[in-house]
Amino acid sequence: MNVEYSPKNVVITGQPTTGIEEGTSVTLKCTAWANPPSNYTWMKANTSQVDTGDQLHIREFNESHAGSYYCKATNILGTAKSAVVTLNVQGFLSSDSAI
């Protein structure tokens, strides 16, 4: 028996999100329980889609990357989104903290 269901328990995991040194790489991963499997979209607050796929990779993190991110998991049965993760550059606080 194959039970299909929309995405649930969407979670972002990865490196520490505060005090990220400029120039370092950052990778976040999005996971969800879903059947059929989810497609993932990464969003940044107050902007549009920034990436697709289960990982968000920023090669050289800088102040322009700081802000609040979340991922959306979507399959044919629905969409769910993760909690917000705020990325901050070491020594700076993001003013972009609300979605």
PDB file of N, CA and C in Angstrom:
ATOM      1  N   MET A   1       0.840  -1.179   0.000  1.00  0.00           N
ATOM      2  CA  MET A   1       0.000   0.000   0.000  1.00  0.00           C
ATOM      3  C   MET A   1       0.889   1.247   0.000  1.00  0.00           C
ATOM      4  N   ASN A   2       0.607   2.154  -0.897  1.00  0.00           N
ATOM      5  CA  ASN A   2       1.379   3.388  -1.032  1.00  0.00           C
ATOM      6  C   ASN A   2       0.483   4.563  -0.661  1.00  0.00           C
ATOM      7  N   VAL A   3       0.722   5.140   0.515  1.00  0.00           N
ATOM      8  CA  VAL A   3      -0.075   6.274   0.983  1.00  0.00           C
ATOM      9  C   VAL A   3       0.607   7.561   0.551  1.00  0.00           C
ATOM     10  N   GLU A   4      -0.129   8.400  -0.148  1.00  0.00           N
ATOM     11  CA  GLU A   4       0.419   9.685  -0.585  1.00  0.00           C
ATOM     12  C   GLU A   4      -0.053  10.786   0.353  1.00  0.00           C
ATOM     13  N   TYR A   5       0.836  11.758   0.596  1.00  0.00           N
ATOM     14  CA  TYR A   5       0.486  12.869   1.470  1.00  0.00           C
ATOM     15  C   TYR A   5       1.317  14.097   1.123  1.00  0.00           C
ATOM     16  N   SER A   6       0.759  15.249   1.454  1.00  0.00           N
ATOM     17  CA  SER A   6       1.433  16.523   1.179  1.00  0.00           C
ATOM     18  C   SER A   6       2.614  16.699   2.135  1.00  0.00           C
ATOM     19  N   PRO A   7       3.534  17.610   1.816  1.00  0.00           N
ATOM     20  CA  PRO A   7       4.714  17.816   2.675  1.00  0.00           C
ATOM     21  C   PRO A   7       4.342  18.221   4.110  1.00  0.00           C
ATOM     22  N   LYS A   8       5.104  17.656   5.049  1.00  0.00           N
ATOM     23  CA  LYS A   8       4.932  17.955   6.467  1.00  0.00           C
ATOM     24  C   LYS A   8       6.310  18.046   7.109  1.00  0.00           C
ATOM     25  N   ASN A   9       6.384  18.688   8.273  1.00  0.00           N
ATOM     26  CA  ASN A   9       7.638  18.763   9.048  1.00  0.00           C
ATOM     27  C   ASN A   9       8.800  19.277   8.202  1.00  0.00           C
ATOM     28  N   VAL A  10       8.614  20.424   7.590  1.00  0.00           N
ATOM     29  CA  VAL A  10       9.667  21.026   6.767  1.00  0.00           C
ATOM     30  C   VAL A  10      10.682  21.687   7.701  1.00  0.00           C
ATOM     31  N   VAL A  11      11.938  21.265   7.594  1.00  0.00           N
ATOM     32  CA  VAL A  11      12.977  21.705   8.528  1.00  0.00           C
ATOM     33  C   VAL A  11      14.224  22.116   7.761  1.00  0.00           C
ATOM     34  N   ILE A  12      14.858  23.212   8.213  1.00  0.00           N
ATOM     35  CA  ILE A  12      16.155  23.636   7.680  1.00  0.00           C
ATOM     36  C   ILE A  12      17.226  23.232   8.677  1.00  0.00           C
ATOM     37  N   THR A  13      18.264  22.580   8.173  1.00  0.00           N
ATOM     38  CA  THR A  13      19.416  22.231   8.997  1.00  0.00           C
ATOM     39  C   THR A  13      20.662  22.769   8.320  1.00  0.00           C
ATOM     40  N   GLY A  14      21.726  22.889   9.097  1.00  0.00           N
ATOM     41  CA  GLY A  14      22.976  23.350   8.510  1.00  0.00           C
ATOM     42  C   GLY A  14      23.850  24.023   9.537  1.00  0.00           C
ATOM     43  N   GLN A  15      24.728  24.849   9.030  1.00  0.00           N
ATOM     44  CA  GLN A  15      25.727  25.512   9.855  1.00  0.00           C
ATOM     45  C   GLN A  15      25.103  26.535  10.791  1.00  0.00           C
ATOM     46  N   PRO A  16      25.880  27.030  11.758  1.00  0.00           N
ATOM     47  CA  PRO A  16      25.365  28.124  12.586  1.00  0.00           C
ATOM     48  C   PRO A  16      24.951  29.292  11.695  1.00  0.00           C
ATOM     49  N   THR A  17      23.910  29.982  12.108  1.00  0.00           N
ATOM     50  CA  THR A  17      23.361  31.048  11.267  1.00  0.00           C
ATOM     51  C   THR A  17      23.738  32.437  11.753  1.00  0.00           C
ATOM     52  N   THR A  18      24.393  32.538  12.894  1.00  0.00           N
ATOM     53  CA  THR A  18      24.814  33.847  13.392  1.00  0.00           C
ATOM     54  C   THR A  18      26.330  33.902  13.426  1.00  0.00           C
ATOM     55  N   GLY A  19      26.862  35.076  13.245  1.00  0.00           N
ATOM     56  CA  GLY A  19      28.309  35.246  13.308  1.00  0.00           C
ATOM     57  C   GLY A  19      29.051  34.572  12.170  1.00  0.00           C
ATOM     58  N   ILE A  20      28.466  34.572  10.984  1.00  0.00           N
ATOM     59  CA  ILE A  20      29.110  33.958   9.819  1.00  0.00           C
ATOM     60  C   ILE A  20      30.175  34.929   9.295  1.00  0.00           C
ATOM     61  N   GLU A  21      31.373  34.440   9.132  1.00  0.00           N
ATOM     62  CA  GLU A  21      32.450  35.297   8.635  1.00  0.00           C
ATOM     63  C   GLU A  21      32.261  35.566   7.150  1.00  0.00           C
ATOM     64  N   GLU A  22      32.510  36.823   6.750  1.00  0.00           N
ATOM     65  CA  GLU A  22      32.436  37.166   5.325  1.00  0.00           C
ATOM     66  C   GLU A  22      33.445  36.329   4.556  1.00  0.00           C
ATOM     67  N   GLY A  23      33.049  35.909   3.365  1.00  0.00           N
ATOM     68  CA  GLY A  23      33.935  35.138   2.502  1.00  0.00           C
ATOM     69  C   GLY A  23      33.864  33.636   2.700  1.00  0.00           C
ATOM     70  N   THR A  24      33.185  33.181   3.764  1.00  0.00           N
ATOM     71  CA  THR A  24      33.067  31.743   3.983  1.00  0.00           C
ATOM     72  C   THR A  24      31.859  31.203   3.220  1.00  0.00           C
ATOM     73  N   SER A  25      31.823  29.896   3.032  1.00  0.00           N
ATOM     74  CA  SER A  25      30.679  29.294   2.357  1.00  0.00           C
ATOM     75  C   SER A  25      29.650  28.854   3.394  1.00  0.00           C
ATOM     76  N   VAL A  26      28.395  28.914   2.999  1.00  0.00           N
ATOM     77  CA  VAL A  26      27.279  28.534   3.856  1.00  0.00           C
ATOM     78  C   VAL A  26      26.409  27.563   3.079  1.00  0.00           C
ATOM     79  N   THR A  27      26.053  26.441   3.711  1.00  0.00           N
ATOM     80  CA  THR A  27      25.146  25.487   3.098  1.00  0.00           C
ATOM     81  C   THR A  27      24.045  25.142   4.085  1.00  0.00           C
ATOM     82  N   LEU A  28      22.809  25.311   3.651  1.00  0.00           N
ATOM     83  CA  LEU A  28      21.645  24.924   4.434  1.00  0.00           C
ATOM     84  C   LEU A  28      20.909  23.832   3.678  1.00  0.00           C
ATOM     85  N   LYS A  29      20.285  22.920   4.408  1.00  0.00           N
ATOM     86  CA  LYS A  29      19.561  21.814   3.784  1.00  0.00           C
ATOM     87  C   LYS A  29      18.112  21.834   4.259  1.00  0.00           C
ATOM     88  N   CYS A  30      17.212  21.585   3.337  1.00  0.00           N
ATOM     89  CA  CYS A  30      15.789  21.537   3.629  1.00  0.00           C
ATOM     90  C   CYS A  30      15.302  20.102   3.481  1.00  0.00           C
ATOM     91  N   THR A  31      14.563  19.634   4.478  1.00  0.00           N
ATOM     92  CA  THR A  31      13.985  18.288   4.401  1.00  0.00           C
ATOM     93  C   THR A  31      12.510  18.355   4.768  1.00  0.00           C
ATOM     94  N   ALA A  32      11.755  17.397   4.257  1.00  0.00           N
ATOM     95  CA  ALA A  32      10.336  17.300   4.575  1.00  0.00           C
ATOM     96  C   ALA A  32       9.892  15.855   4.430  1.00  0.00           C
ATOM     97  N   TRP A  33       8.862  15.504   5.164  1.00  0.00           N
ATOM     98  CA  TRP A  33       8.207  14.215   4.969  1.00  0.00           C
ATOM     99  C   TRP A  33       7.138  14.414   3.915  1.00  0.00           C
ATOM    100  N   ALA A  34       7.210  13.638   2.856  1.00  0.00           N
ATOM    101  CA  ALA A  34       6.210  13.770   1.796  1.00  0.00           C
ATOM    102  C   ALA A  34       6.239  12.541   0.897  1.00  0.00           C
ATOM    103  N   ASN A  35       5.089  12.212   0.344  1.00  0.00           N
ATOM    104  CA  ASN A  35       5.005  11.150  -0.650  1.00  0.00           C
ATOM    105  C   ASN A  35       3.901  11.527  -1.633  1.00  0.00           C
ATOM    106  N   PRO A  36       4.209  11.811  -2.892  1.00  0.00           N
ATOM    107  CA  PRO A  36       5.540  11.699  -3.511  1.00  0.00           C
ATOM    108  C   PRO A  36       6.524  12.738  -2.955  1.00  0.00           C
ATOM    109  N   PRO A  37       7.825  12.527  -3.212  1.00  0.00           N
ATOM    110  CA  PRO A  37       8.848  13.427  -2.677  1.00  0.00           C
ATOM    111  C   PRO A  37       8.614  14.884  -3.081  1.00  0.00           C
ATOM    112  N   SER A  38       9.152  15.767  -2.258  1.00  0.00           N
ATOM    113  CA  SER A  38       8.974  17.208  -2.471  1.00  0.00           C
ATOM    114  C   SER A  38      10.001  17.784  -3.427  1.00  0.00           C
ATOM    115  N   ASN A  39       9.604  18.856  -4.073  1.00  0.00           N
ATOM    116  CA  ASN A  39      10.527  19.776  -4.737  1.00  0.00           C
ATOM    117  C   ASN A  39      10.692  20.948  -3.786  1.00  0.00           C
ATOM    118  N   TYR A  40      11.907  21.494  -3.713  1.00  0.00           N
ATOM    119  CA  TYR A  40      12.194  22.544  -2.738  1.00  0.00           C
ATOM    120  C   TYR A  40      12.503  23.866  -3.424  1.00  0.00           C
ATOM    121  N   THR A  41      11.999  24.940  -2.813  1.00  0.00           N
ATOM    122  CA  THR A  41      12.258  26.301  -3.265  1.00  0.00           C
ATOM    123  C   THR A  41      12.730  27.106  -2.067  1.00  0.00           C
ATOM    124  N   TRP A  42      13.827  27.846  -2.246  1.00  0.00           N
ATOM    125  CA  TRP A  42      14.373  28.699  -1.189  1.00  0.00           C
ATOM    126  C   TRP A  42      13.936  30.127  -1.420  1.00  0.00           C
ATOM    127  N   MET A  43      13.450  30.754  -0.349  1.00  0.00           N
ATOM    128  CA  MET A  43      12.962  32.128  -0.413  1.00  0.00           C
ATOM    129  C   MET A  43      13.712  32.982   0.599  1.00  0.00           C
ATOM    130  N   LYS A  44      13.914  34.250   0.256  1.00  0.00           N
ATOM    131  CA  LYS A  44      14.485  35.220   1.183  1.00  0.00           C
ATOM    132  C   LYS A  44      13.428  36.280   1.441  1.00  0.00           C
ATOM    133  N   ALA A  45      13.272  36.677   2.698  1.00  0.00           N
ATOM    134  CA  ALA A  45      12.251  37.663   3.067  1.00  0.00           C
ATOM    135  C   ALA A  45      12.412  38.929   2.250  1.00  0.00           C
ATOM    136  N   ASN A  46      11.284  39.487   1.849  1.00  0.00           N
ATOM    137  CA  ASN A  46      11.220  40.744   1.101  1.00  0.00           C
ATOM    138  C   ASN A  46      11.870  40.668  -0.272  1.00  0.00           C
ATOM    139  N   THR A  47      12.130  39.468  -0.750  1.00  0.00           N
ATOM    140  CA  THR A  47      12.601  39.270  -2.119  1.00  0.00           C
ATOM    141  C   THR A  47      11.855  38.076  -2.693  1.00  0.00           C
ATOM    142  N   SER A  48      12.286  37.621  -3.819  1.00  0.00           N
ATOM    143  CA  SER A  48      11.624  36.475  -4.432  1.00  0.00           C
ATOM    144  C   SER A  48      12.465  35.222  -4.206  1.00  0.00           C
ATOM    145  N   GLN A  49      12.171  34.219  -4.985  1.00  0.00           N
ATOM    146  CA  GLN A  49      12.895  32.949  -4.918  1.00  0.00           C
ATOM    147  C   GLN A  49      14.393  33.173  -5.120  1.00  0.00           C
ATOM    148  N   VAL A  50      15.214  32.507  -4.304  1.00  0.00           N
ATOM    149  CA  VAL A  50      16.661  32.646  -4.446  1.00  0.00           C
ATOM    150  C   VAL A  50      17.326  31.384  -4.970  1.00  0.00           C
ATOM    151  N   ASP A  51      16.661  30.227  -4.839  1.00  0.00           N
ATOM    152  CA  ASP A  51      17.263  28.984  -5.328  1.00  0.00           C
ATOM    153  C   ASP A  51      16.222  27.881  -5.303  1.00  0.00           C
ATOM    154  N   THR A  52      16.551  26.762  -5.961  1.00  0.00           N
ATOM    155  CA  THR A  52      15.720  25.565  -5.902  1.00  0.00           C
ATOM    156  C   THR A  52      16.609  24.389  -5.520  1.00  0.00           C
ATOM    157  N   GLY A  53      15.979  23.313  -5.114  1.00  0.00           N
ATOM    158  CA  GLY A  53      16.719  22.129  -4.694  1.00  0.00           C
ATOM    159  C   GLY A  53      16.744  22.027  -3.178  1.00  0.00           C
ATOM    160  N   ASP A  54      17.174  20.877  -2.668  1.00  0.00           N
ATOM    161  CA  ASP A  54      17.111  20.672  -1.225  1.00  0.00           C
ATOM    162  C   ASP A  54      18.219  21.383  -0.457  1.00  0.00           C
ATOM    163  N   GLN A  55      19.216  21.949  -1.165  1.00  0.00           N
ATOM    164  CA  GLN A  55      20.283  22.688  -0.494  1.00  0.00           C
ATOM    165  C   GLN A  55      20.395  24.109  -1.027  1.00  0.00           C
ATOM    166  N   LEU A  56      20.654  25.020  -0.094  1.00  0.00           N
ATOM    167  CA  LEU A  56      20.978  26.400  -0.453  1.00  0.00           C
ATOM    168  C   LEU A  56      22.452  26.571  -0.155  1.00  0.00           C
ATOM    169  N   HIS A  57      23.242  26.864  -1.188  1.00  0.00           N
ATOM    170  CA  HIS A  57      24.685  27.013  -1.006  1.00  0.00           C
ATOM    171  C   HIS A  57      25.091  28.424  -1.411  1.00  0.00           C
ATOM    172  N   ILE A  58      25.716  29.134  -0.474  1.00  0.00           N
ATOM    173  CA  ILE A  58      26.246  30.463  -0.742  1.00  0.00           C
ATOM    174  C   ILE A  58      27.757  30.338  -0.678  1.00  0.00           C
ATOM    175  N   ARG A  59      28.421  30.536  -1.803  1.00  0.00           N
ATOM    176  CA  ARG A  59      29.860  30.283  -1.899  1.00  0.00           C
ATOM    177  C   ARG A  59      30.698  31.258  -1.082  1.00  0.00           C
ATOM    178  N   GLU A  60      30.451  32.556  -1.223  1.00  0.00           N
ATOM    179  CA  GLU A  60      31.204  33.573  -0.483  1.00  0.00           C
ATOM    180  C   GLU A  60      30.223  34.487   0.220  1.00  0.00           C
ATOM    181  N   PHE A  61      29.892  34.124   1.442  1.00  0.00           N
ATOM    182  CA  PHE A  61      28.880  34.854   2.207  1.00  0.00           C
ATOM    183  C   PHE A  61      29.340  36.280   2.482  1.00  0.00           C
ATOM    184  N   ASN A  62      28.427  37.254   2.267  1.00  0.00           N
ATOM    185  CA  ASN A  62      28.723  38.642   2.603  1.00  0.00           C
ATOM    186  C   ASN A  62      27.452  39.320   3.101  1.00  0.00           C
ATOM    187  N   GLU A  63      27.549  40.579   3.435  1.00  0.00           N
ATOM    188  CA  GLU A  63      26.428  41.297   4.038  1.00  0.00           C
ATOM    189  C   GLU A  63      25.172  41.274   3.159  1.00  0.00           C
ATOM    190  N   SER A  64      25.335  41.216   1.841  1.00  0.00           N
ATOM    191  CA  SER A  64      24.160  41.184   0.959  1.00  0.00           C
ATOM    192  C   SER A  64      23.369  39.879   1.104  1.00  0.00           C
ATOM    193  N   HIS A  65      24.003  38.832   1.611  1.00  0.00           N
ATOM    194  CA  HIS A  65      23.315  37.558   1.815  1.00  0.00           C
ATOM    195  C   HIS A  65      22.592  37.492   3.158  1.00  0.00           C
ATOM    196  N   ALA A  66      22.928  38.404   4.074  1.00  0.00           N
ATOM    197  CA  ALA A  66      22.299  38.385   5.395  1.00  0.00           C
ATOM    198  C   ALA A  66      20.798  38.603   5.267  1.00  0.00           C
ATOM    199  N   GLY A  67      20.031  37.929   6.096  1.00  0.00           N
ATOM    200  CA  GLY A  67      18.585  38.091   6.075  1.00  0.00           C
ATOM    201  C   GLY A  67      17.881  36.831   6.502  1.00  0.00           C
ATOM    202  N   SER A  68      16.579  36.831   6.346  1.00  0.00           N
ATOM    203  CA  SER A  68      15.735  35.718   6.765  1.00  0.00           C
ATOM    204  C   SER A  68      15.376  34.845   5.569  1.00  0.00           C
ATOM    205  N   TYR A  69      15.607  33.555   5.717  1.00  0.00           N
ATOM    206  CA  TYR A  69      15.355  32.577   4.658  1.00  0.00           C
ATOM    207  C   TYR A  69      14.385  31.508   5.151  1.00  0.00           C
ATOM    208  N   TYR A  70      13.632  30.953   4.219  1.00  0.00           N
ATOM    209  CA  TYR A  70      12.844  29.763   4.511  1.00  0.00           C
ATOM    210  C   TYR A  70      12.762  28.933   3.244  1.00  0.00           C
ATOM    211  N   CYS A  71      12.392  27.676   3.397  1.00  0.00           N
ATOM    212  CA  CYS A  71      12.216  26.840   2.209  1.00  0.00           C
ATOM    213  C   CYS A  71      10.776  26.365   2.143  1.00  0.00           C
ATOM    214  N   LYS A  72      10.324  26.155   0.906  1.00  0.00           N
ATOM    215  CA  LYS A  72       8.996  25.618   0.650  1.00  0.00           C
ATOM    216  C   LYS A  72       9.163  24.235   0.038  1.00  0.00           C
ATOM    217  N   ALA A  73       8.428  23.288   0.571  1.00  0.00           N
ATOM    218  CA  ALA A  73       8.408  21.928   0.034  1.00  0.00           C
ATOM    219  C   ALA A  73       7.068  21.741  -0.671  1.00  0.00           C
ATOM    220  N   THR A  74       7.130  21.287  -1.919  1.00  0.00           N
ATOM    221  CA  THR A  74       5.916  21.167  -2.729  1.00  0.00           C
ATOM    222  C   THR A  74       5.876  19.813  -3.425  1.00  0.00           C
ATOM    223  N   ASN A  75       4.719  19.184  -3.405  1.00  0.00           N
ATOM    224  CA  ASN A  75       4.460  18.031  -4.278  1.00  0.00           C
ATOM    225  C   ASN A  75       3.061  18.213  -4.860  1.00  0.00           C
ATOM    226  N   ILE A  76       2.573  17.210  -5.577  1.00  0.00           N
ATOM    227  CA  ILE A  76       1.281  17.364  -6.257  1.00  0.00           C
ATOM    228  C   ILE A  76       0.115  17.513  -5.287  1.00  0.00           C
ATOM    229  N   LEU A  77       0.328  17.202  -4.011  1.00  0.00           N
ATOM    230  CA  LEU A  77      -0.746  17.257  -3.027  1.00  0.00           C
ATOM    231  C   LEU A  77      -0.750  18.526  -2.177  1.00  0.00           C
ATOM    232  N   GLY A  78       0.319  19.335  -2.288  1.00  0.00           N
ATOM    233  CA  GLY A  78       0.318  20.559  -1.502  1.00  0.00           C
ATOM    234  C   GLY A  78       1.697  21.140  -1.279  1.00  0.00           C
ATOM    235  N   THR A  79       1.731  22.192  -0.456  1.00  0.00           N
ATOM    236  CA  THR A  79       2.956  22.920  -0.148  1.00  0.00           C
ATOM    237  C   THR A  79       2.992  23.215   1.350  1.00  0.00           C
ATOM    238  N   ALA A  80       4.189  23.150   1.916  1.00  0.00           N
ATOM    239  CA  ALA A  80       4.394  23.558   3.309  1.00  0.00           C
ATOM    240  C   ALA A  80       5.704  24.313   3.372  1.00  0.00           C
ATOM    241  N   LYS A  81       5.840  25.194   4.383  1.00  0.00           N
ATOM    242  CA  LYS A  81       7.088  25.940   4.482  1.00  0.00           C
ATOM    243  C   LYS A  81       7.721  25.741   5.848  1.00  0.00           C
ATOM    244  N   SER A  82       9.017  25.950   5.871  1.00  0.00           N
ATOM    245  CA  SER A  82       9.786  25.796   7.102  1.00  0.00           C
ATOM    246  C   SER A  82       9.651  27.037   7.968  1.00  0.00           C
ATOM    247  N   ALA A  83      10.176  26.940   9.171  1.00  0.00           N
ATOM    248  CA  ALA A  83      10.366  28.128  10.001  1.00  0.00           C
ATOM    249  C   ALA A  83      11.469  28.968   9.363  1.00  0.00           C
ATOM    250  N   VAL A  84      11.495  30.228   9.711  1.00  0.00           N
ATOM    251  CA  VAL A  84      12.489  31.155   9.176  1.00  0.00           C
ATOM    252  C   VAL A  84      13.832  30.942   9.865  1.00  0.00           C
ATOM    253  N   VAL A  85      14.900  31.007   9.075  1.00  0.00           N
ATOM    254  CA  VAL A  85      16.270  30.993   9.592  1.00  0.00           C
ATOM    255  C   VAL A  85      16.904  32.317   9.185  1.00  0.00           C
ATOM    256  N   THR A  86      17.482  33.034  10.153  1.00  0.00           N
ATOM    257  CA  THR A  86      18.112  34.320   9.868  1.00  0.00           C
ATOM    258  C   THR A  86      19.620  34.167   9.846  1.00  0.00           C
ATOM    259  N   LEU A  87      20.227  34.550   8.733  1.00  0.00           N
ATOM    260  CA  LEU A  87      21.684  34.498   8.576  1.00  0.00           C
ATOM    261  C   LEU A  87      22.257  35.879   8.850  1.00  0.00           C
ATOM    262  N   ASN A  88      23.258  35.943   9.703  1.00  0.00           N
ATOM    263  CA  ASN A  88      23.894  37.215  10.050  1.00  0.00           C
ATOM    264  C   ASN A  88      25.390  37.145   9.819  1.00  0.00           C
ATOM    265  N   VAL A  89      25.946  38.223   9.283  1.00  0.00           N
ATOM    266  CA  VAL A  89      27.393  38.355   9.126  1.00  0.00           C
ATOM    267  C   VAL A  89      27.992  38.636  10.502  1.00  0.00           C
ATOM    268  N   GLN A  90      29.147  38.070  10.763  1.00  0.00           N
ATOM    269  CA  GLN A  90      29.813  38.301  12.033  1.00  0.00           C
ATOM    270  C   GLN A  90      29.971  39.801  12.267  1.00  0.00           C
ATOM    271  N   GLY A  91      29.475  40.282  13.408  1.00  0.00           N
ATOM    272  CA  GLY A  91      29.592  41.699  13.740  1.00  0.00           C
ATOM    273  C   GLY A  91      28.451  42.552  13.252  1.00  0.00           C
ATOM    274  N   PHE A  92      27.520  41.986  12.467  1.00  0.00           N
ATOM    275  CA  PHE A  92      26.372  42.745  11.954  1.00  0.00           C
ATOM    276  C   PHE A  92      25.092  42.059  12.398  1.00  0.00           C
ATOM    277  N   LEU A  93      24.030  42.830  12.558  1.00  0.00           N
ATOM    278  CA  LEU A  93      22.701  42.285  12.784  1.00  0.00           C
ATOM    279  C   LEU A  93      21.847  42.666  11.605  1.00  0.00           C
ATOM    280  N   SER A  94      21.078  41.714  11.117  1.00  0.00           N
ATOM    281  CA  SER A  94      20.226  41.972   9.959  1.00  0.00           C
ATOM    282  C   SER A  94      18.985  42.746  10.376  1.00  0.00           C
ATOM    283  N   SER A  95      18.617  43.734   9.579  1.00  0.00           N
ATOM    284  CA  SER A  95      17.363  44.451   9.820  1.00  0.00           C
ATOM    285  C   SER A  95      16.220  43.766   9.087  1.00  0.00           C
ATOM    286  N   ASP A  96      16.530  42.715   8.340  1.00  0.00           N
ATOM    287  CA  ASP A  96      15.566  42.000   7.510  1.00  0.00           C
ATOM    288  C   ASP A  96      15.119  40.736   8.235  1.00  0.00           C
ATOM    289  N   SER A  97      14.440  40.889   9.372  1.00  0.00           N
ATOM    290  CA  SER A  97      14.160  39.728  10.191  1.00  0.00           C
ATOM    291  C   SER A  97      12.700  39.317  10.218  1.00  0.00           C
ATOM    292  N   ALA A  98      11.825  40.003   9.514  1.00  0.00           N
ATOM    293  CA  ALA A  98      10.411  39.649   9.542  1.00  0.00           C
ATOM    294  C   ALA A  98       9.950  39.199   8.172  1.00  0.00           C
ATOM    295  N   ILE A  99       9.074  38.219   8.176  1.00  0.00           N
ATOM    296  CA  ILE A  99       8.518  37.758   6.911  1.00  0.00           C
ATOM    297  C   ILE A  99       7.063  38.175   6.842  1.00  0.00           C
TER     298      ILE A  99
END
